[in-house]
Full PDB file with SEQRES, HELIX, SHEET, SSBOND, CRYST1, ORIGX, SCALE, CONECT and MASTER records, all heavy atoms in Angstrom:
SEQRES   1 A   42  LYS VAL SER TYR ALA VAL THR THR LEU PHE GLY ASN ALA          
SEQRES   2 A   42  ASN SER THR GLY SER TYR TYR PRO ASP LEU THR LEU ASN          
SEQRES   3 A   42  TYR ASP THR GLY PHE TRP GLY ILE THR ALA ASN GLY HIS          
SEQRES   4 A   42  VAL GLY TYR                                                  
SHEET    1 AA1 3 VAL A   2  TYR A   4  0                                        
SHEET    2 AA1 3 TYR A  19  ASP A  28 -1                                        
SHEET    3 AA1 3 THR A  35  GLY A  41 -1                                        
CRYST1    1.000    1.000    1.000  90.00  90.00  90.00 P 1           1          
ORIGX1      1.000000  0.000000  0.000000        0.00000                         
ORIGX2      0.000000  1.000000  0.000000        0.00000                         
ORIGX3      0.000000  0.000000  1.000000        0.00000                         
SCALE1      1.000000  0.000000  0.000000        0.00000                         
SCALE2      0.000000  1.000000  0.000000        0.00000                         
SCALE3      0.000000  0.000000  1.000000        0.00000                         
ATOM      1  N   LYS A   1      97.185  99.082  91.200  1.00  0.00           N  
ATOM      2  CA  LYS A   1      98.034 100.219  90.853  1.00  0.00           C  
ATOM      3  C   LYS A   1      98.524 100.939  92.104  1.00  0.00           C  
ATOM      4  O   LYS A   1      97.830 100.955  93.134  1.00  0.00           O  
ATOM      5  CB  LYS A   1      97.232 101.187  89.984  1.00  0.00           C  
ATOM      6  CG  LYS A   1      97.979 102.411  89.519  1.00  0.00           C  
ATOM      7  CD  LYS A   1      97.061 103.276  88.675  1.00  0.00           C  
ATOM      8  CE  LYS A   1      97.758 104.527  88.207  1.00  0.00           C  
ATOM      9  NZ  LYS A   1      96.845 105.404  87.440  1.00  0.00           N  
ATOM     10  N   VAL A   2      99.708 101.509  92.013  1.00  0.00           N  
ATOM     11  CA  VAL A   2     100.236 102.361  93.073  1.00  0.00           C  
ATOM     12  C   VAL A   2     100.732 103.650  92.434  1.00  0.00           C  
ATOM     13  O   VAL A   2     101.500 103.625  91.465  1.00  0.00           O  
ATOM     14  CB  VAL A   2     101.395 101.690  93.838  1.00  0.00           C  
ATOM     15  CG1 VAL A   2     101.966 102.661  94.877  1.00  0.00           C  
ATOM     16  CG2 VAL A   2     100.924 100.416  94.521  1.00  0.00           C  
ATOM     17  N   SER A   3     100.260 104.797  92.976  1.00  0.00           N  
ATOM     18  CA  SER A   3     100.706 106.119  92.524  1.00  0.00           C  
ATOM     19  C   SER A   3     101.476 106.785  93.662  1.00  0.00           C  
ATOM     20  O   SER A   3     101.067 106.702  94.834  1.00  0.00           O  
ATOM     21  CB  SER A   3      99.503 106.983  92.136  1.00  0.00           C  
ATOM     22  OG  SER A   3      98.727 106.372  91.120  1.00  0.00           O  
ATOM     23  N   TYR A   4     102.573 107.471  93.309  1.00  0.00           N  
ATOM     24  CA  TYR A   4     103.457 108.069  94.308  1.00  0.00           C  
ATOM     25  C   TYR A   4     103.747 109.516  93.917  1.00  0.00           C  
ATOM     26  O   TYR A   4     104.202 109.781  92.794  1.00  0.00           O  
ATOM     27  CB  TYR A   4     104.748 107.270  94.409  1.00  0.00           C  
ATOM     28  CG  TYR A   4     105.749 107.807  95.414  1.00  0.00           C  
ATOM     29  CD1 TYR A   4     105.678 107.437  96.756  1.00  0.00           C  
ATOM     30  CD2 TYR A   4     106.747 108.690  95.026  1.00  0.00           C  
ATOM     31  CE1 TYR A   4     106.581 107.931  97.683  1.00  0.00           C  
ATOM     32  CE2 TYR A   4     107.665 109.190  95.938  1.00  0.00           C  
ATOM     33  CZ  TYR A   4     107.576 108.808  97.273  1.00  0.00           C  
ATOM     34  OH  TYR A   4     108.468 109.305  98.195  1.00  0.00           O  
ATOM     35  N   ALA A   5     103.491 110.450  94.827  1.00  0.00           N  
ATOM     36  CA  ALA A   5     103.683 111.873  94.551  1.00  0.00           C  
ATOM     37  C   ALA A   5     105.135 112.276  94.770  1.00  0.00           C  
ATOM     38  O   ALA A   5     105.659 112.146  95.887  1.00  0.00           O  
ATOM     39  CB  ALA A   5     102.767 112.702  95.444  1.00  0.00           C  
ATOM     40  N   VAL A   6     105.766 112.782  93.714  1.00  0.00           N  
ATOM     41  CA  VAL A   6     107.147 113.263  93.820  1.00  0.00           C  
ATOM     42  C   VAL A   6     107.183 114.762  94.071  1.00  0.00           C  
ATOM     43  O   VAL A   6     108.255 115.364  94.155  1.00  0.00           O  
ATOM     44  CB  VAL A   6     107.953 112.906  92.553  1.00  0.00           C  
ATOM     45  CG1 VAL A   6     108.077 111.403  92.397  1.00  0.00           C  
ATOM     46  CG2 VAL A   6     107.315 113.513  91.306  1.00  0.00           C  
ATOM     47  N   THR A   7     106.007 115.382  94.168  1.00  0.00           N  
ATOM     48  CA  THR A   7     105.861 116.782  94.574  1.00  0.00           C  
ATOM     49  C   THR A   7     104.839 116.822  95.699  1.00  0.00           C  
ATOM     50  O   THR A   7     104.316 115.795  96.123  1.00  0.00           O  
ATOM     51  CB  THR A   7     105.354 117.647  93.404  1.00  0.00           C  
ATOM     52  OG1 THR A   7     104.031 117.211  93.053  1.00  0.00           O  
ATOM     53  CG2 THR A   7     106.268 117.530  92.196  1.00  0.00           C  
ATOM     54  N   THR A   8     104.537 118.027  96.192  1.00  0.00           N  
ATOM     55  CA  THR A   8     103.428 118.140  97.124  1.00  0.00           C  
ATOM     56  C   THR A   8     102.142 117.695  96.425  1.00  0.00           C  
ATOM     57  O   THR A   8     102.020 117.788  95.202  1.00  0.00           O  
ATOM     58  CB  THR A   8     103.274 119.584  97.630  1.00  0.00           C  
ATOM     59  OG1 THR A   8     103.203 120.475  96.515  1.00  0.00           O  
ATOM     60  CG2 THR A   8     104.438 119.964  98.517  1.00  0.00           C  
ATOM     61  N   LEU A   9     101.178 117.216  97.215  1.00  0.00           N  
ATOM     62  CA  LEU A   9      99.977 116.588  96.675  1.00  0.00           C  
ATOM     63  C   LEU A   9      98.788 117.547  96.713  1.00  0.00           C  
ATOM     64  O   LEU A   9      98.297 117.895  97.781  1.00  0.00           O  
ATOM     65  CB  LEU A   9      99.652 115.325  97.479  1.00  0.00           C  
ATOM     66  CG  LEU A   9      98.456 114.508  96.990  1.00  0.00           C  
ATOM     67  CD1 LEU A   9      98.834 113.718  95.729  1.00  0.00           C  
ATOM     68  CD2 LEU A   9      97.969 113.556  98.081  1.00  0.00           C  
ATOM     69  N   PHE A  10      98.343 117.992  95.551  1.00  0.00           N  
ATOM     70  CA  PHE A  10      97.115 118.768  95.397  1.00  0.00           C  
ATOM     71  C   PHE A  10      97.013 119.931  96.381  1.00  0.00           C  
ATOM     72  O   PHE A  10      95.952 120.178  96.975  1.00  0.00           O  
ATOM     73  CB  PHE A  10      95.894 117.855  95.522  1.00  0.00           C  
ATOM     74  CG  PHE A  10      95.932 116.675  94.589  1.00  0.00           C  
ATOM     75  CD1 PHE A  10      95.650 115.398  95.043  1.00  0.00           C  
ATOM     76  CD2 PHE A  10      96.263 116.840  93.246  1.00  0.00           C  
ATOM     77  CE1 PHE A  10      95.688 114.306  94.187  1.00  0.00           C  
ATOM     78  CE2 PHE A  10      96.306 115.757  92.380  1.00  0.00           C  
ATOM     79  CZ  PHE A  10      96.023 114.487  92.844  1.00  0.00           C  
ATOM     80  N   GLY A  11      98.131 120.638  96.570  1.00  0.00           N  
ATOM     81  CA  GLY A  11      98.113 121.847  97.388  1.00  0.00           C  
ATOM     82  C   GLY A  11      98.341 121.650  98.863  1.00  0.00           C  
ATOM     83  O   GLY A  11      98.376 122.636  99.613  1.00  0.00           O  
ATOM     84  N   ASN A  12      98.491 120.410  99.335  1.00  0.00           N  
ATOM     85  CA  ASN A  12      98.760 120.174 100.758  1.00  0.00           C  
ATOM     86  C   ASN A  12     100.239 120.380 101.051  1.00  0.00           C  
ATOM     87  O   ASN A  12     101.091 119.683 100.489  1.00  0.00           O  
ATOM     88  CB  ASN A  12      98.343 118.760 101.155  1.00  0.00           C  
ATOM     89  CG  ASN A  12      96.843 118.560 101.120  1.00  0.00           C  
ATOM     90  OD1 ASN A  12      96.097 119.297 101.756  1.00  0.00           O  
ATOM     91  ND2 ASN A  12      96.400 117.575 100.365  1.00  0.00           N  
ATOM     92  N   ALA A  13     100.558 121.301 101.922  1.00  0.00           N  
ATOM     93  CA  ALA A  13     101.947 121.625 102.219  1.00  0.00           C  
ATOM     94  C   ALA A  13     102.672 120.425 102.825  1.00  0.00           C  
ATOM     95  O   ALA A  13     102.078 119.614 103.544  1.00  0.00           O  
ATOM     96  CB  ALA A  13     102.012 122.816 103.170  1.00  0.00           C  
ATOM     97  N   ASN A  14     103.964 120.295 102.505  1.00  0.00           N  
ATOM     98  CA  ASN A  14     104.842 119.261 103.085  1.00  0.00           C  
ATOM     99  C   ASN A  14     104.355 117.842 102.808  1.00  0.00           C  
ATOM    100  O   ASN A  14     104.602 116.933 103.608  1.00  0.00           O  
ATOM    101  CB  ASN A  14     104.972 119.448 104.606  1.00  0.00           C  
ATOM    102  CG  ASN A  14     105.581 120.781 104.979  1.00  0.00           C  
ATOM    103  OD1 ASN A  14     106.323 121.370 104.195  1.00  0.00           O  
ATOM    104  ND2 ASN A  14     105.265 121.266 106.159  1.00  0.00           N  
ATOM    105  N   SER A  15     103.664 117.622 101.691  1.00  0.00           N  
ATOM    106  CA  SER A  15     103.043 116.316 101.443  1.00  0.00           C  
ATOM    107  C   SER A  15     103.759 115.474 100.391  1.00  0.00           C  
ATOM    108  O   SER A  15     103.225 114.445  99.951  1.00  0.00           O  
ATOM    109  CB  SER A  15     101.584 116.508 101.021  1.00  0.00           C  
ATOM    110  OG  SER A  15     101.497 117.317  99.856  1.00  0.00           O  
ATOM    111  N   THR A  16     104.953 115.879  99.964  1.00  0.00           N  
ATOM    112  CA  THR A  16     105.721 115.068  99.026  1.00  0.00           C  
ATOM    113  C   THR A  16     105.939 113.664  99.612  1.00  0.00           C  
ATOM    114  O   THR A  16     106.233 113.523 100.792  1.00  0.00           O  
ATOM    115  CB  THR A  16     107.084 115.717  98.738  1.00  0.00           C  
ATOM    116  OG1 THR A  16     106.863 117.017  98.175  1.00  0.00           O  
ATOM    117  CG2 THR A  16     107.901 114.886  97.762  1.00  0.00           C  
ATOM    118  N   GLY A  17     105.775 112.644  98.784  1.00  0.00           N  
ATOM    119  CA  GLY A  17     105.903 111.275  99.255  1.00  0.00           C  
ATOM    120  C   GLY A  17     104.568 110.620  99.573  1.00  0.00           C  
ATOM    121  O   GLY A  17     104.523 109.462  99.997  1.00  0.00           O  
ATOM    122  N   SER A  18     103.474 111.338  99.361  1.00  0.00           N  
ATOM    123  CA  SER A  18     102.151 110.742  99.528  1.00  0.00           C  
ATOM    124  C   SER A  18     101.942 109.662  98.470  1.00  0.00           C  
ATOM    125  O   SER A  18     102.543 109.695  97.399  1.00  0.00           O  
ATOM    126  CB  SER A  18     101.062 111.813  99.398  1.00  0.00           C  
ATOM    127  OG  SER A  18     101.210 112.819 100.378  1.00  0.00           O  
ATOM    128  N   TYR A  19     101.073 108.706  98.752  1.00  0.00           N  
ATOM    129  CA  TYR A  19     100.867 107.627  97.779  1.00  0.00           C  
ATOM    130  C   TYR A  19      99.421 107.139  97.803  1.00  0.00           C  
ATOM    131  O   TYR A  19      98.679 107.368  98.782  1.00  0.00           O  
ATOM    132  CB  TYR A  19     101.826 106.466  98.046  1.00  0.00           C  
ATOM    133  CG  TYR A  19     101.793 105.912  99.443  1.00  0.00           C  
ATOM    134  CD1 TYR A  19     100.844 104.959  99.836  1.00  0.00           C  
ATOM    135  CD2 TYR A  19     102.724 106.333 100.387  1.00  0.00           C  
ATOM    136  CE1 TYR A  19     100.822 104.445 101.122  1.00  0.00           C  
ATOM    137  CE2 TYR A  19     102.702 105.825 101.681  1.00  0.00           C  
ATOM    138  CZ  TYR A  19     101.757 104.883 102.044  1.00  0.00           C  
ATOM    139  OH  TYR A  19     101.733 104.383 103.323  1.00  0.00           O  
ATOM    140  N   TYR A  20      99.043 106.452  96.712  1.00  0.00           N  
ATOM    141  CA  TYR A  20      97.666 105.977  96.560  1.00  0.00           C  
ATOM    142  C   TYR A  20      97.663 104.605  95.905  1.00  0.00           C  
ATOM    143  O   TYR A  20      97.782 104.492  94.685  1.00  0.00           O  
ATOM    144  CB  TYR A  20      96.865 106.961  95.702  1.00  0.00           C  
ATOM    145  CG  TYR A  20      95.410 106.587  95.527  1.00  0.00           C  
ATOM    146  CD1 TYR A  20      94.489 106.786  96.542  1.00  0.00           C  
ATOM    147  CD2 TYR A  20      94.943 106.042  94.324  1.00  0.00           C  
ATOM    148  CE1 TYR A  20      93.147 106.460  96.389  1.00  0.00           C  
ATOM    149  CE2 TYR A  20      93.611 105.715  94.162  1.00  0.00           C  
ATOM    150  CZ  TYR A  20      92.714 105.933  95.189  1.00  0.00           C  
ATOM    151  OH  TYR A  20      91.387 105.596  95.024  1.00  0.00           O  
ATOM    152  N   PRO A  21      97.527 103.523  96.679  1.00  0.00           N  
ATOM    153  CA  PRO A  21      97.324 102.199  96.098  1.00  0.00           C  
ATOM    154  C   PRO A  21      95.833 101.978  95.853  1.00  0.00           C  
ATOM    155  O   PRO A  21      94.992 102.395  96.662  1.00  0.00           O  
ATOM    156  CB  PRO A  21      97.857 101.259  97.185  1.00  0.00           C  
ATOM    157  CG  PRO A  21      97.629 102.003  98.456  1.00  0.00           C  
ATOM    158  CD  PRO A  21      97.724 103.463  98.142  1.00  0.00           C  
ATOM    159  N   ASP A  22      95.486 101.328  94.740  1.00  0.00           N  
ATOM    160  CA  ASP A  22      94.077 101.069  94.482  1.00  0.00           C  
ATOM    161  C   ASP A  22      93.890  99.818  93.650  1.00  0.00           C  
ATOM    162  O   ASP A  22      94.811  99.341  92.973  1.00  0.00           O  
ATOM    163  CB  ASP A  22      93.394 102.269  93.823  1.00  0.00           C  
ATOM    164  CG  ASP A  22      93.906 102.549  92.416  1.00  0.00           C  
ATOM    165  OD1 ASP A  22      95.126 102.754  92.261  1.00  0.00           O  
ATOM    166  OD2 ASP A  22      93.105 102.548  91.468  1.00  0.00           O  
ATOM    167  N   LEU A  23      92.681  99.278  93.705  1.00  0.00           N  
ATOM    168  CA  LEU A  23      92.309  98.069  92.985  1.00  0.00           C  
ATOM    169  C   LEU A  23      90.971  98.306  92.300  1.00  0.00           C  
ATOM    170  O   LEU A  23      90.016  98.768  92.936  1.00  0.00           O  
ATOM    171  CB  LEU A  23      92.189  96.882  93.949  1.00  0.00           C  
ATOM    172  CG  LEU A  23      91.665  95.565  93.358  1.00  0.00           C  
ATOM    173  CD1 LEU A  23      92.666  94.979  92.368  1.00  0.00           C  
ATOM    174  CD2 LEU A  23      91.360  94.564  94.481  1.00  0.00           C  
ATOM    175  N   THR A  24      90.896  97.982  91.001  1.00  0.00           N  
ATOM    176  CA  THR A  24      89.668  98.122  90.223  1.00  0.00           C  
ATOM    177  C   THR A  24      89.323  96.786  89.581  1.00  0.00           C  
ATOM    178  O   THR A  24      90.208  96.119  89.026  1.00  0.00           O  
ATOM    179  CB  THR A  24      89.818  99.198  89.137  1.00  0.00           C  
ATOM    180  OG1 THR A  24      89.968 100.477  89.765  1.00  0.00           O  
ATOM    181  CG2 THR A  24      88.611  99.237  88.214  1.00  0.00           C  
ATOM    182  N   LEU A  25      88.050  96.395  89.665  1.00  0.00           N  
ATOM    183  CA  LEU A  25      87.570  95.153  89.067  1.00  0.00           C  
ATOM    184  C   LEU A  25      86.367  95.458  88.177  1.00  0.00           C  
ATOM    185  O   LEU A  25      85.501  96.265  88.546  1.00  0.00           O  
ATOM    186  CB  LEU A  25      87.146  94.146  90.144  1.00  0.00           C  
ATOM    187  CG  LEU A  25      88.235  93.624  91.080  1.00  0.00           C  
ATOM    188  CD1 LEU A  25      87.606  92.776  92.182  1.00  0.00           C  
ATOM    189  CD2 LEU A  25      89.261  92.805  90.311  1.00  0.00           C  
ATOM    190  N   ASN A  26      86.305  94.790  87.019  1.00  0.00           N  
ATOM    191  CA  ASN A  26      85.181  94.915  86.101  1.00  0.00           C  
ATOM    192  C   ASN A  26      84.699  93.513  85.737  1.00  0.00           C  
ATOM    193  O   ASN A  26      85.506  92.644  85.409  1.00  0.00           O  
ATOM    194  CB  ASN A  26      85.586  95.662  84.834  1.00  0.00           C  
ATOM    195  CG  ASN A  26      86.180  97.027  85.134  1.00  0.00           C  
ATOM    196  OD1 ASN A  26      85.542  97.883  85.729  1.00  0.00           O  
ATOM    197  ND2 ASN A  26      87.433  97.232  84.733  1.00  0.00           N  
ATOM    198  N   TYR A  27      83.388  93.322  85.774  1.00  0.00           N  
ATOM    199  CA  TYR A  27      82.809  92.016  85.460  1.00  0.00           C  
ATOM    200  C   TYR A  27      81.809  92.170  84.325  1.00  0.00           C  
ATOM    201  O   TYR A  27      80.802  92.878  84.460  1.00  0.00           O  
ATOM    202  CB  TYR A  27      82.124  91.416  86.682  1.00  0.00           C  
ATOM    203  CG  TYR A  27      81.379  90.130  86.379  1.00  0.00           C  
ATOM    204  CD1 TYR A  27      82.076  88.949  86.125  1.00  0.00           C  
ATOM    205  CD2 TYR A  27      79.989  90.099  86.338  1.00  0.00           C  
ATOM    206  CE1 TYR A  27      81.400  87.771  85.829  1.00  0.00           C  
ATOM    207  CE2 TYR A  27      79.306  88.930  86.056  1.00  0.00           C  
ATOM    208  CZ  TYR A  27      80.021  87.765  85.793  1.00  0.00           C  
ATOM    209  OH  TYR A  27      79.348  86.600  85.499  1.00  0.00           O  
ATOM    210  N   ASP A  28      82.105  91.519  83.193  1.00  0.00           N  
ATOM    211  CA  ASP A  28      81.206  91.521  82.043  1.00  0.00           C  
ATOM    212  C   ASP A  28      80.044  90.577  82.336  1.00  0.00           C  
ATOM    213  O   ASP A  28      80.219  89.354  82.376  1.00  0.00           O  
ATOM    214  CB  ASP A  28      81.964  91.079  80.797  1.00  0.00           C  
ATOM    215  CG  ASP A  28      81.115  91.134  79.535  1.00  0.00           C  
ATOM    216  OD1 ASP A  28      79.904  91.421  79.635  1.00  0.00           O  
ATOM    217  OD2 ASP A  28      81.661  90.887  78.448  1.00  0.00           O  
ATOM    218  N   THR A  29      78.859  91.132  82.540  1.00  0.00           N  
ATOM    219  CA  THR A  29      77.716  90.309  82.916  1.00  0.00           C  
ATOM    220  C   THR A  29      77.209  89.453  81.755  1.00  0.00           C  
ATOM    221  O   THR A  29      76.461  88.487  81.974  1.00  0.00           O  
ATOM    222  CB  THR A  29      76.557  91.187  83.406  1.00  0.00           C  
ATOM    223  OG1 THR A  29      76.070  91.994  82.315  1.00  0.00           O  
ATOM    224  CG2 THR A  29      77.014  92.076  84.560  1.00  0.00           C  
ATOM    225  N   GLY A  30      77.588  89.812  80.520  1.00  0.00           N  
ATOM    226  CA  GLY A  30      77.082  89.088  79.364  1.00  0.00           C  
ATOM    227  C   GLY A  30      75.635  89.422  79.049  1.00  0.00           C  
ATOM    228  O   GLY A  30      75.016  88.788  78.184  1.00  0.00           O  
ATOM    229  N   PHE A  31      75.093  90.415  79.730  1.00  0.00           N  
ATOM    230  CA  PHE A  31      73.694  90.796  79.544  1.00  0.00           C  
ATOM    231  C   PHE A  31      73.597  92.235  79.076  1.00  0.00           C  
ATOM    232  O   PHE A  31      74.029  93.154  79.782  1.00  0.00           O  
ATOM    233  CB  PHE A  31      72.924  90.627  80.859  1.00  0.00           C  
ATOM    234  CG  PHE A  31      71.509  91.125  80.817  1.00  0.00           C  
ATOM    235  CD1 PHE A  31      70.530  90.425  80.125  1.00  0.00           C  
ATOM    236  CD2 PHE A  31      71.156  92.306  81.456  1.00  0.00           C  
ATOM    237  CE1 PHE A  31      69.230  90.894  80.078  1.00  0.00           C  
ATOM    238  CE2 PHE A  31      69.856  92.779  81.413  1.00  0.00           C  
ATOM    239  CZ  PHE A  31      68.891  92.063  80.721  1.00  0.00           C  
ATOM    240  N   TRP A  32      73.092  92.424  77.859  1.00  0.00           N  
ATOM    241  CA  TRP A  32      72.741  93.755  77.350  1.00  0.00           C  
ATOM    242  C   TRP A  32      73.920  94.738  77.388  1.00  0.00           C  
ATOM    243  O   TRP A  32      73.744  95.927  77.542  1.00  0.00           O  
ATOM    244  CB  TRP A  32      71.552  94.305  78.138  1.00  0.00           C  
ATOM    245  CG  TRP A  32      70.768  95.308  77.383  1.00  0.00           C  
ATOM    246  CD1 TRP A  32      70.315  95.242  76.099  1.00  0.00           C  
ATOM    247  CD2 TRP A  32      70.324  96.581  77.890  1.00  0.00           C  
ATOM    248  NE1 TRP A  32      69.622  96.374  75.768  1.00  0.00           N  
ATOM    249  CE2 TRP A  32      69.604  97.211  76.862  1.00  0.00           C  
ATOM    250  CE3 TRP A  32      70.450  97.230  79.123  1.00  0.00           C  
ATOM    251  CZ2 TRP A  32      69.020  98.472  77.012  1.00  0.00           C  
ATOM    252  CZ3 TRP A  32      69.863  98.479  79.273  1.00  0.00           C  
ATOM    253  CH2 TRP A  32      69.164  99.091  78.231  1.00  0.00           C  
ATOM    254  N   GLY A  33      75.139  94.224  77.242  1.00  0.00           N  
ATOM    255  CA  GLY A  33      76.311  95.094  77.209  1.00  0.00           C  
ATOM    256  C   GLY A  33      76.630  95.769  78.525  1.00  0.00           C  
ATOM    257  O   GLY A  33      77.258  96.835  78.544  1.00  0.00           O  
ATOM    258  N   ILE A  34      76.222  95.145  79.633  1.00  0.00           N  
ATOM    259  CA  ILE A  34      76.414  95.767  80.951  1.00  0.00           C  
ATOM    260  C   ILE A  34      77.626  95.152  81.651  1.00  0.00           C  
ATOM    261  O   ILE A  34      77.774  93.934  81.703  1.00  0.00           O  
ATOM    262  CB  ILE A  34      75.164  95.604  81.830  1.00  0.00           C  
ATOM    263  CG1 ILE A  34      74.011  96.419  81.236  1.00  0.00           C  
ATOM    264  CG2 ILE A  34      75.439  96.060  83.262  1.00  0.00           C  
ATOM    265  CD1 ILE A  34      72.709  96.273  81.996  1.00  0.00           C  
ATOM    266  N   THR A  35      78.476  96.007  82.194  1.00  0.00           N  
ATOM    267  CA  THR A  35      79.634  95.601  82.987  1.00  0.00           C  
ATOM    268  C   THR A  35      79.498  96.149  84.402  1.00  0.00           C  
ATOM    269  O   THR A  35      79.183  97.333  84.583  1.00  0.00           O  
ATOM    270  CB  THR A  35      80.943  96.112  82.363  1.00  0.00           C  
ATOM    271  OG1 THR A  35      81.089  95.566  81.052  1.00  0.00           O  
ATOM    272  CG2 THR A  35      82.146  95.722  83.205  1.00  0.00           C  
ATOM    273  N   ALA A  36      79.698  95.292  85.393  1.00  0.00           N  
ATOM    274  CA  ALA A  36      79.693  95.728  86.788  1.00  0.00           C  
ATOM    275  C   ALA A  36      81.097  96.191  87.169  1.00  0.00           C  
ATOM    276  O   ALA A  36      82.090  95.561  86.813  1.00  0.00           O  
ATOM    277  CB  ALA A  36      79.239  94.587  87.704  1.00  0.00           C  
ATOM    278  N   ASN A  37      81.183  97.299  87.901  1.00  0.00           N  
ATOM    279  CA  ASN A  37      82.472  97.907  88.241  1.00  0.00           C  
ATOM    280  C   ASN A  37      82.618  98.042  89.751  1.00  0.00           C  
ATOM    281  O   ASN A  37      81.669  98.402  90.445  1.00  0.00           O  
ATOM    282  CB  ASN A  37      82.604  99.305  87.618  1.00  0.00           C  
ATOM    283  CG  ASN A  37      82.107  99.357  86.192  1.00  0.00           C  
ATOM    284  OD1 ASN A  37      81.157 100.085  85.908  1.00  0.00           O  
ATOM    285  ND2 ASN A  37      82.720  98.596  85.305  1.00  0.00           N  
ATOM    286  N   GLY A  38      83.804  97.754  90.260  1.00  0.00           N  
ATOM    287  CA  GLY A  38      84.102  97.950  91.671  1.00  0.00           C  
ATOM    288  C   GLY A  38      85.488  98.549  91.844  1.00  0.00           C  
ATOM    289  O   GLY A  38      86.400  98.260  91.050  1.00  0.00           O  
ATOM    290  N   HIS A  39      85.661  99.379  92.842  1.00  0.00           N  
ATOM    291  CA  HIS A  39      86.946 100.048  93.071  1.00  0.00           C  
ATOM    292  C   HIS A  39      87.129 100.304  94.555  1.00  0.00           C  
ATOM    293  O   HIS A  39      86.178 100.633  95.273  1.00  0.00           O  
ATOM    294  CB  HIS A  39      86.993 101.385  92.315  1.00  0.00           C  
ATOM    295  CG  HIS A  39      88.094 102.298  92.766  1.00  0.00           C  
ATOM    296  ND1 HIS A  39      89.356 102.255  92.219  1.00  0.00           N  
ATOM    297  CD2 HIS A  39      88.124 103.262  93.720  1.00  0.00           C  
ATOM    298  CE1 HIS A  39      90.114 103.167  92.818  1.00  0.00           C  
ATOM    299  NE2 HIS A  39      89.398 103.782  93.725  1.00  0.00           N  
ATOM    300  N   VAL A  40      88.371 100.169  95.034  1.00  0.00           N  
ATOM    301  CA  VAL A  40      88.726 100.546  96.395  1.00  0.00           C  
ATOM    302  C   VAL A  40      90.143 101.108  96.377  1.00  0.00           C  
ATOM    303  O   VAL A  40      91.008 100.648  95.606  1.00  0.00           O  
ATOM    304  CB  VAL A  40      88.624  99.341  97.359  1.00  0.00           C  
ATOM    305  CG1 VAL A  40      89.611  98.239  96.986  1.00  0.00           C  
ATOM    306  CG2 VAL A  40      88.820  99.774  98.806  1.00  0.00           C  
ATOM    307  N   GLY A  41      90.394 102.134  97.179  1.00  0.00           N  
ATOM    308  CA  GLY A  41      91.719 102.748  97.222  1.00  0.00           C  
ATOM    309  C   GLY A  41      91.980 103.374  98.577  1.00  0.00           C  
ATOM    310  O   GLY A  41      91.070 103.506  99.410  1.00  0.00           O  
ATOM    311  N   TYR A  42      93.227 103.771  98.802  1.00  0.00           N  
ATOM    312  CA  TYR A  42      93.591 104.434 100.052  1.00  0.00           C  
ATOM    313  C   TYR A  42      94.551 105.580  99.742  1.00  0.00           C  
ATOM    314  O   TYR A  42      95.655 105.354  99.219  1.00  0.00           O  
ATOM    315  CB  TYR A  42      94.256 103.467 101.037  1.00  0.00           C  
ATOM    316  CG  TYR A  42      94.650 104.128 102.337  1.00  0.00           C  
ATOM    317  CD1 TYR A  42      93.676 104.450 103.281  1.00  0.00           C  
ATOM    318  CD2 TYR A  42      95.968 104.453 102.615  1.00  0.00           C  
ATOM    319  CE1 TYR A  42      94.016 105.078 104.470  1.00  0.00           C  
ATOM    320  CE2 TYR A  42      96.331 105.072 103.802  1.00  0.00           C  
ATOM    321  CZ  TYR A  42      95.347 105.385 104.729  1.00  0.00           C  
ATOM    322  OH  TYR A  42      95.686 106.018 105.904  1.00  0.00           O  
TER     323      TYR A  42                                                      
MASTER        0    0    0    0    3    0    0    6  322    1    0    4          
END                                                                             
């Protein structure tokens, strides 16, 4: 996913145009309804 701010970002002045690419992975272990989750972003 990629998110792009069309306004200032969370109160930071002059920050319009900030962006956040990220990747999320989920792995169904098949054991006891447990899923492993991983995420990285910038």
